[in-house]
Amino acid sequence: MSAIRQQAIEIIERMPEEKIYDIVNLLQKMEDKAETPKQNSPTEAQIAFQKLKKYRKEGAADRDYKAELYTALEEKYERLIRLKNYV
């Protein structure tokens, strides 16, 4: 047994019975709080992340941004390109 546990036991043994009830309640509350994160229920951050995942577009990493930009510029300035070819 560790020294701190031994010290806690000695303190509890010196206490009157009425106060031990309060100590037991306090220890149970502390134990419940310590077990809460270990449960499999998702945290608020995990829930928020799951909600955001539905807005994520699949295959976004497979896009060729340079080609898309070139195509968009060609479409926008198609008239200027034709005029340049006629001059």
Protein backbone atom coordinates (compact mmCIF):
# COMPACT_ATOMS: atom_id res chain seq x y z
CA MET A 1 0.00 0.00 0.00
CA SER A 2 1.33 3.44 -0.86
CA ALA A 3 2.09 6.02 1.78
CA ILE A 4 -0.70 8.32 0.64
CA ARG A 5 -3.28 5.51 0.88
CA GLN A 6 -2.05 4.62 4.34
CA GLN A 7 -2.32 8.26 5.39
CA ALA A 8 -5.89 8.48 4.02
CA ILE A 9 -6.91 5.34 5.90
CA GLU A 10 -5.45 6.67 9.15
CA ILE A 11 -7.34 9.96 8.75
CA ILE A 12 -10.60 8.14 8.05
CA GLU A 13 -10.11 5.85 11.06
CA ARG A 14 -9.83 8.90 13.36
CA MET A 15 -13.04 10.48 11.98
CA PRO A 16 -16.43 10.10 13.64
CA GLU A 17 -18.97 7.89 11.80
CA GLU A 18 -21.14 10.86 10.71
CA LYS A 19 -18.31 12.45 8.76
CA ILE A 20 -17.29 9.20 7.09
CA TYR A 21 -20.67 9.22 5.29
CA ASP A 22 -19.75 12.58 3.71
CA ILE A 23 -16.32 11.29 2.72
CA VAL A 24 -17.85 8.22 1.05
CA ASN A 25 -20.27 10.42 -0.94
CA LEU A 26 -17.41 12.68 -2.01
CA LEU A 27 -15.31 9.71 -3.12
CA GLN A 28 -18.21 8.26 -5.11
CA LYS A 29 -18.72 11.57 -6.92
CA MET A 30 -15.03 11.76 -7.72
CA GLU A 31 -15.07 8.19 -8.99
CA ASP A 32 -18.09 8.91 -11.23
CA LYS A 33 -16.37 11.93 -12.73
CA ALA A 34 -13.22 9.92 -13.37
CA GLU A 35 -15.20 7.22 -15.22
CA THR A 36 -17.23 9.60 -17.40
CA PRO A 37 -14.58 10.22 -20.12
CA LYS A 38 -13.91 6.49 -20.40
CA GLN A 39 -17.45 5.81 -21.62
CA ASN A 40 -18.03 5.25 -25.31
CA SER A 41 -20.40 8.19 -25.66
CA PRO A 42 -19.03 10.80 -28.09
CA THR A 43 -17.85 14.17 -26.86
CA GLU A 44 -19.30 17.45 -28.10
CA ALA A 45 -16.35 17.91 -30.45
CA GLN A 46 -16.85 14.45 -31.94
CA ILE A 47 -20.56 15.13 -32.49
CA ALA A 48 -19.76 18.45 -34.20
CA PHE A 49 -17.18 16.75 -36.41
CA GLN A 50 -19.72 14.10 -37.48
CA LYS A 51 -22.21 16.84 -38.40
CA LEU A 52 -19.58 18.65 -40.48
CA LYS A 53 -18.57 15.50 -42.35
CA LYS A 54 -21.85 15.52 -44.29
CA TYR A 55 -20.80 18.80 -45.96
CA ARG A 56 -17.46 17.40 -47.08
CA LYS A 57 -17.16 16.76 -50.80
CA GLU A 58 -15.73 13.42 -51.77
CA GLY A 59 -12.85 13.35 -54.21
CA ALA A 60 -11.83 16.96 -53.63
CA ALA A 61 -8.20 15.89 -53.48
CA ASP A 62 -8.37 14.35 -56.96
CA ARG A 63 -9.14 17.62 -58.71
CA ASP A 64 -6.70 19.22 -61.14
CA TYR A 65 -6.99 22.84 -60.09
CA LYS A 66 -4.62 24.18 -62.73
CA ALA A 67 -6.64 22.59 -65.53
CA GLU A 68 -9.88 23.89 -64.05
CA LEU A 69 -8.45 27.39 -63.79
CA TYR A 70 -7.17 27.27 -67.35
CA THR A 71 -10.57 26.11 -68.63
CA ALA A 72 -12.39 28.82 -66.68
CA LEU A 73 -10.05 31.50 -68.01
CA GLU A 74 -10.47 30.21 -71.56
CA GLU A 75 -14.25 30.37 -71.22
CA LYS A 76 -14.16 33.85 -69.74
CA TYR A 77 -11.70 35.29 -72.25
CA GLU A 78 -12.73 33.22 -75.27
CA ARG A 79 -13.79 36.34 -77.16
CA LEU A 80 -10.39 37.99 -76.63
CA ILE A 81 -8.60 34.85 -77.78
CA ARG A 82 -10.67 34.81 -81.01
CA LEU A 83 -9.95 38.49 -81.62
CA LYS A 84 -6.23 37.89 -81.10
CA ASN A 85 -6.29 35.08 -83.69
CA TYR A 86 -7.94 37.36 -86.28
CA VAL A 87 -5.45 40.18 -85.88
